Amino acid sequence: RANIYAGAENDFTGGSSRTVKAVSEDDQQKLLELASEKVISEIDSKVKDQDPNLSSVVIGQLSYSKKEFSKEVGDEASTVELDLTGQVKVLLYSTAEIINQLSSQLIPKTNPGMDLLPDQISIAILAPKENEDAETYKTQANIKGLLIPVIDQDRYISQLKGKSVNKLKNILETIPGYESTKIIIKPNVPFLSNYIPLNKNRVSLEITTLR
């Protein structure tokens, strides 16, 4: 439930040759639509304040128990306010859980060895529809993202410890989408830095793939 007061930003339609502004039904309807959009936006904002991973999508239409305009149709006025009280059903969903299900269930079957690039994912939930039991809803999610190879650095380092850096690079080049590698060995000792240390904690990889 939300109470909202709003003012029309644009001049009202209607009027006379004396350029007196009069409130029209269209003005009231536009204000109602603006207020409704603000209510929905505030709901989603409050949900995200509680949990950044949660989002909301409206189910059906807003139901108003109170809808009072400060000016009636035909009244002369430069502004009009709306006192609005209403209710709306919303579906809450976790973006993190959707991504987790994709990464653990779907992608391994359809694109093994790949995973979603975290900062390149967009999720759009279509308007939910009520099932026959009138208690549950069904919807559809449209998800867009970029797939990149899953790189197990420890496995590569363990397999090639003591071997030359060039040999490791040659193997990494076989990774789909591979672009470049930066190998960091500590301490950086001349000659010894040309080989992968036996202690895997002394070496790290920065692998860049095509996105």
N, C-alpha and C. Protein backbone atom coordinates (compact mmCIF):
# COMPACT_ATOMS: atom_id res chain seq x y z
N ARG A 1 0.86 -1.18 0.00
CA ARG A 1 0.00 0.00 0.00
C ARG A 1 0.90 1.23 0.00
N ALA A 2 0.50 2.25 -0.76
CA ALA A 2 1.32 3.45 -0.84
C ALA A 2 0.44 4.68 -1.02
N ASN A 3 0.80 5.76 -0.34
CA ASN A 3 0.14 7.05 -0.53
C ASN A 3 1.08 7.91 -1.34
N ILE A 4 0.56 8.62 -2.32
CA ILE A 4 1.43 9.40 -3.19
C ILE A 4 0.75 10.70 -3.58
N TYR A 5 1.51 11.76 -3.59
CA TYR A 5 1.04 13.06 -4.04
C TYR A 5 1.90 13.44 -5.24
N ALA A 6 1.27 13.85 -6.31
CA ALA A 6 2.02 14.17 -7.52
C ALA A 6 1.41 15.39 -8.18
N GLY A 7 2.24 16.12 -8.90
CA GLY A 7 1.77 17.28 -9.65
C GLY A 7 2.10 17.09 -11.11
N ALA A 8 1.23 17.55 -11.99
CA ALA A 8 1.49 17.42 -13.43
C ALA A 8 2.62 18.35 -13.82
N GLU A 9 3.56 17.85 -14.62
CA GLU A 9 4.71 18.64 -15.02
C GLU A 9 4.38 19.52 -16.23
N ASN A 10 3.47 19.09 -17.11
CA ASN A 10 3.15 19.84 -18.32
C ASN A 10 1.88 20.66 -18.13
N ASP A 11 1.70 21.67 -19.01
CA ASP A 11 0.49 22.48 -18.97
C ASP A 11 -0.73 21.60 -19.24
N PHE A 12 -1.84 21.94 -18.61
CA PHE A 12 -3.06 21.18 -18.83
C PHE A 12 -3.64 21.50 -20.20
N THR A 13 -4.35 20.52 -20.74
CA THR A 13 -5.04 20.75 -22.01
C THR A 13 -6.34 21.50 -21.74
N GLY A 14 -7.00 21.94 -22.78
CA GLY A 14 -8.24 22.68 -22.61
C GLY A 14 -7.98 24.16 -22.44
N GLY A 15 -8.96 24.89 -21.97
CA GLY A 15 -8.78 26.32 -21.79
C GLY A 15 -9.72 27.10 -22.68
N SER A 16 -9.53 28.40 -22.75
CA SER A 16 -10.38 29.26 -23.56
C SER A 16 -9.54 30.33 -24.22
N SER A 17 -10.22 31.26 -24.93
CA SER A 17 -9.50 32.33 -25.60
C SER A 17 -8.82 33.26 -24.61
N ARG A 18 -9.23 33.16 -23.33
CA ARG A 18 -8.58 33.97 -22.30
C ARG A 18 -7.34 33.27 -21.77
N THR A 19 -6.94 32.14 -22.41
CA THR A 19 -5.79 31.31 -22.02
C THR A 19 -5.88 30.85 -20.57
N VAL A 20 -7.09 30.70 -20.05
CA VAL A 20 -7.27 30.13 -18.73
C VAL A 20 -7.09 28.62 -18.83
N LYS A 21 -6.28 28.03 -17.97
CA LYS A 21 -6.01 26.59 -18.01
C LYS A 21 -7.08 25.85 -17.22
N ALA A 22 -7.65 24.84 -17.86
CA ALA A 22 -8.69 24.06 -17.21
C ALA A 22 -8.29 22.59 -17.18
N VAL A 23 -8.64 21.91 -16.10
CA VAL A 23 -8.31 20.50 -15.94
C VAL A 23 -9.21 19.66 -16.84
N SER A 24 -8.61 18.70 -17.56
CA SER A 24 -9.37 17.80 -18.42
C SER A 24 -9.25 16.36 -17.92
N GLU A 25 -10.09 15.48 -18.46
CA GLU A 25 -9.99 14.06 -18.10
C GLU A 25 -8.63 13.50 -18.49
N ASP A 26 -8.10 13.97 -19.61
CA ASP A 26 -6.79 13.51 -20.06
C ASP A 26 -5.70 13.90 -19.07
N ASP A 27 -5.82 15.11 -18.49
CA ASP A 27 -4.85 15.55 -17.49
C ASP A 27 -4.88 14.63 -16.27
N GLN A 28 -6.09 14.30 -15.82
CA GLN A 28 -6.21 13.42 -14.66
C GLN A 28 -5.67 12.03 -14.96
N GLN A 29 -5.94 11.52 -16.15
CA GLN A 29 -5.48 10.19 -16.52
C GLN A 29 -3.96 10.13 -16.58
N LYS A 30 -3.36 11.17 -17.16
CA LYS A 30 -1.89 11.21 -17.24
C LYS A 30 -1.27 11.27 -15.85
N LEU A 31 -1.89 12.03 -14.96
CA LEU A 31 -1.38 12.12 -13.59
C LEU A 31 -1.51 10.79 -12.88
N LEU A 32 -2.62 10.09 -13.11
CA LEU A 32 -2.82 8.77 -12.51
C LEU A 32 -1.77 7.78 -13.00
N GLU A 33 -1.48 7.81 -14.31
CA GLU A 33 -0.46 6.92 -14.87
C GLU A 33 0.91 7.24 -14.30
N LEU A 34 1.21 8.54 -14.18
CA LEU A 34 2.50 8.95 -13.61
C LEU A 34 2.64 8.48 -12.17
N ALA A 35 1.57 8.65 -11.39
CA ALA A 35 1.60 8.23 -9.99
C ALA A 35 1.74 6.72 -9.87
N SER A 36 1.04 5.97 -10.74
CA SER A 36 1.11 4.51 -10.71
C SER A 36 2.52 4.02 -11.02
N GLU A 37 3.15 4.64 -12.01
CA GLU A 37 4.52 4.28 -12.37
C GLU A 37 5.47 4.55 -11.20
N LYS A 38 5.22 5.65 -10.50
CA LYS A 38 6.07 5.99 -9.36
C LYS A 38 5.90 4.98 -8.23
N VAL A 39 4.66 4.55 -8.00
CA VAL A 39 4.41 3.54 -6.97
C VAL A 39 5.18 2.26 -7.27
N ILE A 40 5.09 1.78 -8.51
CA ILE A 40 5.78 0.55 -8.91
C ILE A 40 7.29 0.71 -8.77
N SER A 41 7.80 1.88 -9.17
CA SER A 41 9.24 2.13 -9.08
C SER A 41 9.70 2.15 -7.62
N GLU A 42 8.88 2.73 -6.74
CA GLU A 42 9.24 2.80 -5.33
C GLU A 42 9.20 1.42 -4.68
N ILE A 43 8.29 0.57 -5.12
CA ILE A 43 8.22 -0.80 -4.60
C ILE A 43 9.53 -1.53 -4.90
N ASP A 44 9.97 -1.45 -6.16
CA ASP A 44 11.19 -2.14 -6.55
C ASP A 44 12.39 -1.56 -5.82
N SER A 45 12.40 -0.24 -5.62
CA SER A 45 13.50 0.41 -4.91
C SER A 45 13.57 -0.06 -3.46
N LYS A 46 12.41 -0.17 -2.80
CA LYS A 46 12.39 -0.62 -1.41
C LYS A 46 12.81 -2.08 -1.29
N VAL A 47 12.42 -2.89 -2.27
CA VAL A 47 12.83 -4.30 -2.28
C VAL A 47 14.34 -4.41 -2.37
N LYS A 48 14.94 -3.62 -3.26
CA LYS A 48 16.40 -3.65 -3.44
C LYS A 48 17.13 -3.11 -2.22
N ASP A 49 16.49 -2.18 -1.49
CA ASP A 49 17.11 -1.67 -0.26
C ASP A 49 17.23 -2.79 0.77
N GLN A 50 16.25 -3.69 0.79
CA GLN A 50 16.28 -4.81 1.73
C GLN A 50 17.27 -5.88 1.31
N ASP A 51 17.35 -6.12 -0.01
CA ASP A 51 18.28 -7.12 -0.54
C ASP A 51 18.61 -6.75 -1.98
N PRO A 52 19.86 -6.32 -2.27
CA PRO A 52 20.25 -5.90 -3.62
C PRO A 52 20.04 -6.98 -4.68
N ASN A 53 19.99 -8.24 -4.27
CA ASN A 53 19.82 -9.34 -5.23
C ASN A 53 18.36 -9.58 -5.60
N LEU A 54 17.44 -8.94 -4.87
CA LEU A 54 16.02 -9.14 -5.14
C LEU A 54 15.49 -8.08 -6.09
N SER A 55 14.56 -8.49 -6.94
CA SER A 55 13.86 -7.57 -7.83
C SER A 55 12.38 -7.92 -7.78
N SER A 56 11.55 -7.02 -8.27
CA SER A 56 10.11 -7.26 -8.24
C SER A 56 9.49 -7.03 -9.61
N VAL A 57 8.40 -7.73 -9.87
CA VAL A 57 7.62 -7.53 -11.09
C VAL A 57 6.15 -7.55 -10.69
N VAL A 58 5.41 -6.60 -11.20
CA VAL A 58 4.00 -6.44 -10.82
C VAL A 58 3.14 -7.55 -11.42
N ILE A 59 2.22 -8.08 -10.60
CA ILE A 59 1.26 -9.08 -11.05
C ILE A 59 -0.09 -8.39 -11.24
N GLY A 60 -0.57 -8.35 -12.45
CA GLY A 60 -1.86 -7.73 -12.71
C GLY A 60 -1.81 -6.21 -12.64
N GLN A 61 -2.94 -5.60 -12.27
CA GLN A 61 -3.07 -4.15 -12.22
C GLN A 61 -3.13 -3.65 -10.78
N LEU A 62 -2.79 -2.38 -10.61
CA LEU A 62 -2.93 -1.77 -9.30
C LEU A 62 -4.41 -1.62 -8.97
N SER A 63 -4.74 -1.88 -7.71
CA SER A 63 -6.12 -1.73 -7.24
C SER A 63 -6.16 -0.55 -6.28
N TYR A 64 -7.00 0.45 -6.59
CA TYR A 64 -7.03 1.67 -5.80
C TYR A 64 -8.22 1.67 -4.84
N SER A 65 -7.95 1.95 -3.57
CA SER A 65 -9.02 2.10 -2.58
C SER A 65 -9.34 3.57 -2.35
N LYS A 66 -8.43 4.43 -2.82
CA LYS A 66 -8.66 5.87 -2.69
C LYS A 66 -8.01 6.57 -3.87
N LYS A 67 -8.77 7.44 -4.53
CA LYS A 67 -8.24 8.17 -5.68
C LYS A 67 -8.94 9.53 -5.73
N GLU A 68 -8.28 10.53 -5.18
CA GLU A 68 -8.88 11.85 -5.08
C GLU A 68 -7.99 12.90 -5.74
N PHE A 69 -8.56 13.63 -6.69
CA PHE A 69 -7.85 14.73 -7.34
C PHE A 69 -8.19 16.03 -6.62
N SER A 70 -7.22 16.92 -6.54
CA SER A 70 -7.46 18.20 -5.87
C SER A 70 -8.34 19.12 -6.71
N LYS A 71 -8.41 18.85 -8.01
CA LYS A 71 -9.24 19.65 -8.91
C LYS A 71 -10.09 18.72 -9.78
N GLU A 72 -11.33 19.12 -10.00
CA GLU A 72 -12.23 18.34 -10.84
C GLU A 72 -12.07 18.75 -12.30
N VAL A 73 -12.57 17.89 -13.19
CA VAL A 73 -12.54 18.20 -14.62
C VAL A 73 -13.31 19.50 -14.88
N GLY A 74 -12.68 20.43 -15.58
CA GLY A 74 -13.30 21.72 -15.88
C GLY A 74 -12.88 22.83 -14.95
N ASP A 75 -12.31 22.47 -13.78
CA ASP A 75 -11.84 23.50 -12.86
C ASP A 75 -10.66 24.25 -13.47
N GLU A 76 -10.61 25.56 -13.22
CA GLU A 76 -9.47 26.35 -13.66
C GLU A 76 -8.34 26.15 -12.66
N ALA A 77 -7.17 25.77 -13.16
CA ALA A 77 -6.03 25.50 -12.28
C ALA A 77 -4.76 25.39 -13.09
N SER A 78 -3.64 25.70 -12.45
CA SER A 78 -2.34 25.53 -13.10
C SER A 78 -1.66 24.24 -12.65
N THR A 79 -2.12 23.71 -11.51
CA THR A 79 -1.59 22.44 -11.01
C THR A 79 -2.73 21.62 -10.42
N VAL A 80 -2.51 20.34 -10.35
CA VAL A 80 -3.48 19.45 -9.71
C VAL A 80 -2.73 18.36 -8.97
N GLU A 81 -3.24 17.98 -7.80
CA GLU A 81 -2.62 16.95 -6.98
C GLU A 81 -3.52 15.72 -6.92
N LEU A 82 -2.87 14.59 -6.66
CA LEU A 82 -3.60 13.32 -6.58
C LEU A 82 -3.26 12.63 -5.26
N ASP A 83 -4.28 12.33 -4.49
CA ASP A 83 -4.13 11.55 -3.25
C ASP A 83 -4.55 10.13 -3.59
N LEU A 84 -3.56 9.22 -3.59
CA LEU A 84 -3.79 7.87 -4.11
C LEU A 84 -3.39 6.82 -3.09
N THR A 85 -4.29 5.89 -2.84
CA THR A 85 -3.99 4.73 -1.99
C THR A 85 -4.39 3.47 -2.75
N GLY A 86 -3.49 2.52 -2.80
CA GLY A 86 -3.80 1.32 -3.57
C GLY A 86 -3.01 0.11 -3.14
N GLN A 87 -3.33 -1.01 -3.75
CA GLN A 87 -2.65 -2.27 -3.49
C GLN A 87 -2.26 -2.92 -4.80
N VAL A 88 -1.19 -3.67 -4.75
CA VAL A 88 -0.75 -4.39 -5.94
C VAL A 88 0.02 -5.64 -5.51
N LYS A 89 -0.16 -6.72 -6.25
CA LYS A 89 0.60 -7.94 -6.00
C LYS A 89 1.91 -7.89 -6.78
N VAL A 90 2.98 -8.32 -6.15
CA VAL A 90 4.26 -8.34 -6.84
C VAL A 90 4.93 -9.70 -6.66
N LEU A 91 5.67 -10.09 -7.66
CA LEU A 91 6.48 -11.31 -7.60
C LEU A 91 7.91 -10.91 -7.32
N LEU A 92 8.49 -11.47 -6.27
CA LEU A 92 9.89 -11.21 -5.94
C LEU A 92 10.75 -12.34 -6.48
N TYR A 93 11.88 -11.99 -7.06
CA TYR A 93 12.80 -13.01 -7.56
C TYR A 93 14.24 -12.59 -7.28
N SER A 94 15.09 -13.58 -7.12
CA SER A 94 16.50 -13.35 -6.83
C SER A 94 17.32 -13.49 -8.10
N THR A 95 17.96 -12.41 -8.51
CA THR A 95 18.81 -12.47 -9.70
C THR A 95 20.00 -13.39 -9.45
N ALA A 96 20.52 -13.38 -8.23
CA ALA A 96 21.66 -14.24 -7.90
C ALA A 96 21.29 -15.71 -8.03
N GLU A 97 20.06 -16.06 -7.60
CA GLU A 97 19.62 -17.46 -7.67
C GLU A 97 19.40 -17.89 -9.12
N ILE A 98 18.86 -16.99 -9.94
CA ILE A 98 18.66 -17.30 -11.36
C ILE A 98 20.01 -17.58 -12.02
N ILE A 99 20.99 -16.73 -11.76
CA ILE A 99 22.32 -16.89 -12.34
C ILE A 99 22.96 -18.17 -11.83
N ASN A 100 22.77 -18.47 -10.54
CA ASN A 100 23.33 -19.69 -9.96
C ASN A 100 22.75 -20.94 -10.61
N GLN A 101 21.44 -20.93 -10.86
CA GLN A 101 20.80 -22.07 -11.51
C GLN A 101 21.31 -22.25 -12.94
N LEU A 102 21.52 -21.15 -13.64
CA LEU A 102 22.07 -21.24 -14.99
C LEU A 102 23.47 -21.83 -14.97
N SER A 103 24.30 -21.33 -14.06
CA SER A 103 25.70 -21.76 -14.00
C SER A 103 25.86 -23.21 -13.55
N SER A 104 24.97 -23.66 -12.66
CA SER A 104 25.11 -25.01 -12.10
C SER A 104 24.30 -26.07 -12.84
N GLN A 105 23.20 -25.67 -13.49
CA GLN A 105 22.31 -26.66 -14.10
C GLN A 105 22.28 -26.62 -15.63
N LEU A 106 22.08 -25.46 -16.20
CA LEU A 106 21.85 -25.38 -17.64
C LEU A 106 23.13 -25.29 -18.46
N ILE A 107 24.00 -24.36 -18.11
CA ILE A 107 25.21 -24.12 -18.92
C ILE A 107 26.12 -25.34 -18.99
N PRO A 108 26.34 -26.09 -17.88
CA PRO A 108 27.20 -27.28 -17.98
C PRO A 108 26.68 -28.31 -18.99
N LYS A 109 25.36 -28.33 -19.23
CA LYS A 109 24.79 -29.28 -20.19
C LYS A 109 24.84 -28.76 -21.61
N THR A 110 24.61 -27.46 -21.78
CA THR A 110 24.55 -26.89 -23.13
C THR A 110 25.88 -26.34 -23.61
N ASN A 111 26.70 -25.81 -22.68
CA ASN A 111 28.01 -25.24 -23.03
C ASN A 111 29.04 -25.63 -21.98
N PRO A 112 29.41 -26.91 -21.93
CA PRO A 112 30.37 -27.36 -20.91
C PRO A 112 31.69 -26.61 -21.01
N GLY A 113 32.25 -26.31 -19.83
CA GLY A 113 33.53 -25.60 -19.79
C GLY A 113 33.39 -24.09 -19.91
N MET A 114 32.14 -23.60 -19.94
CA MET A 114 31.90 -22.17 -20.07
C MET A 114 31.08 -21.68 -18.87
N ASP A 115 31.11 -20.37 -18.65
CA ASP A 115 30.29 -19.77 -17.61
C ASP A 115 29.97 -18.33 -18.01
N LEU A 116 28.99 -17.73 -17.33
CA LEU A 116 28.58 -16.37 -17.64
C LEU A 116 29.56 -15.35 -17.08
N LEU A 117 29.82 -14.32 -17.86
CA LEU A 117 30.63 -13.20 -17.40
C LEU A 117 29.76 -12.38 -16.45
N PRO A 118 30.14 -12.27 -15.15
CA PRO A 118 29.26 -11.70 -14.13
C PRO A 118 28.71 -10.31 -14.43
N ASP A 119 29.53 -9.42 -14.96
CA ASP A 119 29.08 -8.03 -15.14
C ASP A 119 28.43 -7.79 -16.50
N GLN A 120 28.11 -8.86 -17.22
CA GLN A 120 27.50 -8.71 -18.54
C GLN A 120 26.21 -9.53 -18.64
N ILE A 121 25.40 -9.49 -17.58
CA ILE A 121 24.16 -10.28 -17.54
C ILE A 121 22.96 -9.36 -17.36
N SER A 122 21.96 -9.53 -18.19
CA SER A 122 20.71 -8.78 -18.01
C SER A 122 19.55 -9.78 -17.93
N ILE A 123 18.64 -9.53 -16.99
CA ILE A 123 17.50 -10.42 -16.76
C ILE A 123 16.20 -9.63 -16.87
N ALA A 124 15.30 -10.10 -17.71
CA ALA A 124 13.99 -9.47 -17.86
C ALA A 124 12.91 -10.51 -17.60
N ILE A 125 12.05 -10.24 -16.63
CA ILE A 125 10.97 -11.15 -16.27
C ILE A 125 9.67 -10.66 -16.92
N LEU A 126 9.02 -11.53 -17.69
CA LEU A 126 7.75 -11.16 -18.32
C LEU A 126 6.62 -11.14 -17.29
N ALA A 127 5.55 -10.46 -17.61
CA ALA A 127 4.42 -10.34 -16.69
C ALA A 127 3.90 -11.73 -16.29
N PRO A 128 3.84 -12.03 -14.99
CA PRO A 128 3.37 -13.34 -14.53
C PRO A 128 1.90 -13.57 -14.88
N LYS A 129 1.55 -14.84 -15.13
CA LYS A 129 0.17 -15.21 -15.41
C LYS A 129 -0.30 -16.19 -14.34
N GLU A 130 -1.54 -16.01 -13.92
CA GLU A 130 -2.10 -16.85 -12.86
C GLU A 130 -2.41 -18.24 -13.39
N ASN A 131 -2.02 -19.26 -12.62
CA ASN A 131 -2.33 -20.65 -12.98
C ASN A 131 -3.78 -20.97 -12.64
N GLU A 132 -4.24 -22.14 -13.07
CA GLU A 132 -5.63 -22.54 -12.87
C GLU A 132 -6.00 -22.66 -11.40
N ASP A 133 -5.01 -22.96 -10.54
CA ASP A 133 -5.32 -23.11 -9.12
C ASP A 133 -5.55 -21.76 -8.43
N ALA A 134 -5.29 -20.67 -9.16
CA ALA A 134 -5.50 -19.30 -8.65
C ALA A 134 -4.63 -18.98 -7.44
N GLU A 135 -3.64 -19.82 -7.18
CA GLU A 135 -2.76 -19.60 -6.03
C GLU A 135 -1.30 -19.43 -6.45
N THR A 136 -0.97 -19.92 -7.62
CA THR A 136 0.40 -19.82 -8.11
C THR A 136 0.43 -19.10 -9.46
N TYR A 137 1.64 -18.70 -9.84
CA TYR A 137 1.80 -17.96 -11.09
C TYR A 137 2.95 -18.55 -11.90
N LYS A 138 2.91 -18.32 -13.18
CA LYS A 138 4.00 -18.75 -14.04
C LYS A 138 4.48 -17.54 -14.85
N THR A 139 5.76 -17.54 -15.16
CA THR A 139 6.31 -16.43 -15.93
C THR A 139 7.47 -16.95 -16.76
N GLN A 140 8.11 -16.06 -17.47
CA GLN A 140 9.23 -16.43 -18.33
C GLN A 140 10.33 -15.40 -18.15
N ALA A 141 11.55 -15.88 -18.10
CA ALA A 141 12.70 -14.98 -17.94
C ALA A 141 13.52 -14.95 -19.23
N ASN A 142 13.80 -13.75 -19.69
CA ASN A 142 14.69 -13.56 -20.83
C ASN A 142 16.04 -13.10 -20.30
N ILE A 143 17.06 -13.90 -20.55
CA ILE A 143 18.38 -13.62 -19.99
C ILE A 143 19.40 -13.47 -21.11
N LYS A 144 20.14 -12.38 -21.06
CA LYS A 144 21.20 -12.15 -22.03
C LYS A 144 22.54 -12.05 -21.30
N GLY A 145 23.57 -12.66 -21.88
CA GLY A 145 24.88 -12.61 -21.24
C GLY A 145 25.96 -13.12 -22.17
N LEU A 146 27.19 -13.03 -21.71
CA LEU A 146 28.35 -13.50 -22.46
C LEU A 146 28.95 -14.71 -21.77
N LEU A 147 29.24 -15.75 -22.54
CA LEU A 147 29.88 -16.95 -22.00
C LEU A 147 31.38 -16.87 -22.19
N ILE A 148 32.12 -17.21 -21.13
CA ILE A 148 33.58 -17.25 -21.20
C ILE A 148 34.06 -18.60 -20.67
N PRO A 149 35.25 -19.04 -21.07
CA PRO A 149 35.76 -20.33 -20.59
C PRO A 149 36.01 -20.32 -19.08
N VAL A 150 35.72 -21.43 -18.43
CA VAL A 150 36.07 -21.60 -17.02
C VAL A 150 37.52 -22.09 -16.96
N ILE A 151 38.37 -21.32 -16.32
CA ILE A 151 39.80 -21.63 -16.31
C ILE A 151 40.23 -22.05 -14.91
N ASP A 152 40.66 -23.30 -14.78
CA ASP A 152 41.15 -23.82 -13.51
C ASP A 152 42.66 -23.58 -13.45
N GLN A 153 43.06 -22.45 -12.88
CA GLN A 153 44.47 -22.08 -12.85
C GLN A 153 45.31 -23.08 -12.08
N ASP A 154 44.79 -23.54 -10.94
CA ASP A 154 45.56 -24.49 -10.12
C ASP A 154 45.88 -25.76 -10.90
N ARG A 155 44.92 -26.21 -11.72
CA ARG A 155 45.15 -27.44 -12.48
C ARG A 155 46.29 -27.26 -13.48
N TYR A 156 46.28 -26.14 -14.20
CA TYR A 156 47.34 -25.90 -15.18
C TYR A 156 48.70 -25.76 -14.50
N ILE A 157 48.73 -25.02 -13.39
CA ILE A 157 50.00 -24.80 -12.69
C ILE A 157 50.53 -26.11 -12.12
N SER A 158 49.63 -26.92 -11.53
CA SER A 158 50.06 -28.20 -10.94
C SER A 158 50.62 -29.15 -12.00
N GLN A 159 50.01 -29.15 -13.18
CA GLN A 159 50.45 -30.04 -14.25
C GLN A 159 51.82 -29.64 -14.80
N LEU A 160 52.13 -28.35 -14.75
CA LEU A 160 53.34 -27.87 -15.42
C LEU A 160 54.37 -27.27 -14.47
N LYS A 161 54.23 -27.49 -13.17
CA LYS A 161 55.22 -26.94 -12.25
C LYS A 161 56.59 -27.54 -12.55
N GLY A 162 57.58 -26.67 -12.55
CA GLY A 162 58.94 -27.08 -12.90
C GLY A 162 59.23 -27.00 -14.39
N LYS A 163 58.16 -26.84 -15.19
CA LYS A 163 58.32 -26.75 -16.64
C LYS A 163 58.48 -25.28 -17.05
N SER A 164 58.81 -25.05 -18.31
CA SER A 164 59.05 -23.69 -18.79
C SER A 164 57.75 -22.89 -18.90
N VAL A 165 57.89 -21.58 -18.73
CA VAL A 165 56.75 -20.68 -18.85
C VAL A 165 56.14 -20.76 -20.25
N ASN A 166 56.99 -20.88 -21.26
CA ASN A 166 56.50 -20.95 -22.64
C ASN A 166 55.60 -22.15 -22.87
N LYS A 167 55.92 -23.27 -22.20
CA LYS A 167 55.10 -24.47 -22.37
C LYS A 167 53.70 -24.24 -21.80
N LEU A 168 53.63 -23.52 -20.66
CA LEU A 168 52.34 -23.21 -20.07
C LEU A 168 51.53 -22.31 -21.00
N LYS A 169 52.20 -21.32 -21.59
CA LYS A 169 51.51 -20.41 -22.50
C LYS A 169 50.97 -21.16 -23.72
N ASN A 170 51.75 -22.12 -24.21
CA ASN A 170 51.30 -22.89 -25.38
C ASN A 170 50.03 -23.67 -25.08
N ILE A 171 49.93 -24.19 -23.85
CA ILE A 171 48.74 -24.95 -23.46
C ILE A 171 47.54 -24.01 -23.28
N LEU A 172 47.79 -22.85 -22.66
CA LEU A 172 46.71 -21.90 -22.43
C LEU A 172 46.13 -21.37 -23.73
N GLU A 173 46.94 -21.33 -24.77
CA GLU A 173 46.47 -20.82 -26.06
C GLU A 173 45.40 -21.71 -26.68
N THR A 174 45.26 -22.92 -26.17
CA THR A 174 44.22 -23.83 -26.71
C THR A 174 42.85 -23.58 -26.08
N ILE A 175 42.79 -22.70 -25.07
CA ILE A 175 41.52 -22.39 -24.41
C ILE A 175 40.64 -21.58 -25.37
N PRO A 176 39.37 -21.96 -25.55
CA PRO A 176 38.48 -21.19 -26.44
C PRO A 176 38.37 -19.73 -26.00
N GLY A 177 38.57 -18.83 -26.94
CA GLY A 177 38.47 -17.41 -26.63
C GLY A 177 39.72 -16.83 -26.00
N TYR A 178 40.79 -17.64 -25.90
CA TYR A 178 42.03 -17.16 -25.29
C TYR A 178 42.58 -15.95 -26.04
N GLU A 179 43.07 -14.97 -25.28
CA GLU A 179 43.65 -13.78 -25.89
C GLU A 179 45.08 -13.55 -25.43
N SER A 180 45.32 -13.56 -24.11
CA SER A 180 46.68 -13.33 -23.61
C SER A 180 46.80 -13.84 -22.17
N THR A 181 48.05 -13.96 -21.71
CA THR A 181 48.33 -14.41 -20.35
C THR A 181 49.45 -13.57 -19.74
N LYS A 182 49.27 -13.21 -18.49
CA LYS A 182 50.34 -12.58 -17.73
C LYS A 182 50.67 -13.50 -16.58
N ILE A 183 51.90 -13.99 -16.54
CA ILE A 183 52.33 -14.93 -15.50
C ILE A 183 53.18 -14.17 -14.48
N ILE A 184 52.76 -14.22 -13.22
CA ILE A 184 53.47 -13.51 -12.16
C ILE A 184 54.12 -14.54 -11.24
N ILE A 185 55.44 -14.47 -11.14
CA ILE A 185 56.20 -15.40 -10.30
C ILE A 185 56.93 -14.61 -9.21
N LYS A 186 56.78 -15.04 -7.97
CA LYS A 186 57.43 -14.37 -6.84
C LYS A 186 58.29 -15.37 -6.07
N PRO A 187 59.53 -14.95 -5.71
CA PRO A 187 60.19 -13.71 -6.12
C PRO A 187 60.62 -13.79 -7.59
N ASN A 188 60.74 -12.63 -8.20
CA ASN A 188 61.12 -12.57 -9.61
C ASN A 188 62.64 -12.66 -9.74
N VAL A 189 63.12 -13.88 -9.87
CA VAL A 189 64.57 -14.12 -9.97
C VAL A 189 64.92 -14.41 -11.43
N PRO A 190 65.88 -13.68 -12.01
CA PRO A 190 66.29 -13.94 -13.40
C PRO A 190 66.61 -15.42 -13.61
N PHE A 191 66.31 -15.91 -14.78
CA PHE A 191 66.48 -17.30 -15.19
C PHE A 191 65.43 -18.20 -14.52
N LEU A 192 65.33 -18.16 -13.18
CA LEU A 192 64.35 -19.01 -12.50
C LEU A 192 62.92 -18.61 -12.86
N SER A 193 62.73 -17.35 -13.23
CA SER A 193 61.40 -16.87 -13.58
C SER A 193 60.93 -17.40 -14.93
N ASN A 194 61.81 -18.11 -15.62
CA ASN A 194 61.42 -18.72 -16.90
C ASN A 194 60.76 -20.08 -16.70
N TYR A 195 60.68 -20.51 -15.43
CA TYR A 195 60.10 -21.82 -15.12
C TYR A 195 58.99 -21.67 -14.07
N ILE A 196 57.99 -22.55 -14.16
CA ILE A 196 56.90 -22.53 -13.19
C ILE A 196 57.40 -23.11 -11.86
N PRO A 197 57.28 -22.37 -10.74
CA PRO A 197 57.77 -22.85 -9.44
C PRO A 197 57.07 -24.14 -9.01
N LEU A 198 57.76 -24.94 -8.23
CA LEU A 198 57.16 -26.16 -7.68
C LEU A 198 56.07 -25.82 -6.66
N ASN A 199 56.25 -24.67 -5.99
CA ASN A 199 55.25 -24.20 -5.03
C ASN A 199 54.22 -23.34 -5.77
N LYS A 200 53.00 -23.85 -5.90
CA LYS A 200 51.99 -23.14 -6.70
C LYS A 200 51.59 -21.79 -6.09
N ASN A 201 51.89 -21.60 -4.79
CA ASN A 201 51.55 -20.33 -4.15
C ASN A 201 52.47 -19.19 -4.59
N ARG A 202 53.54 -19.54 -5.33
CA ARG A 202 54.48 -18.52 -5.78
C ARG A 202 54.18 -18.05 -7.19
N VAL A 203 53.13 -18.57 -7.79
CA VAL A 203 52.81 -18.18 -9.16
C VAL A 203 51.31 -17.90 -9.29
N SER A 204 50.99 -16.90 -10.09
CA SER A 204 49.59 -16.58 -10.37
C SER A 204 49.45 -16.21 -11.84
N LEU A 205 48.26 -16.43 -12.37
CA LEU A 205 48.00 -16.17 -13.78
C LEU A 205 46.92 -15.10 -13.92
N GLU A 206 47.13 -14.22 -14.88
CA GLU A 206 46.09 -13.27 -15.27
C GLU A 206 45.77 -13.56 -16.73
N ILE A 207 44.67 -14.28 -16.94
CA ILE A 207 44.32 -14.75 -18.29
C ILE A 207 43.20 -13.88 -18.85
N THR A 208 43.41 -13.38 -20.05
CA THR A 208 42.41 -12.56 -20.73
C THR A 208 41.79 -13.36 -21.86
N THR A 209 40.46 -13.35 -21.90
CA THR A 209 39.75 -14.03 -22.98
C THR A 209 38.91 -13.02 -23.75
N LEU A 210 38.56 -13.38 -24.96
CA LEU A 210 37.73 -12.51 -25.80
C LEU A 210 36.34 -12.43 -25.20
N ARG A 211 35.76 -11.22 -25.15
CA ARG A 211 34.44 -11.04 -24.55
C ARG A 211 33.49 -10.48 -25.59
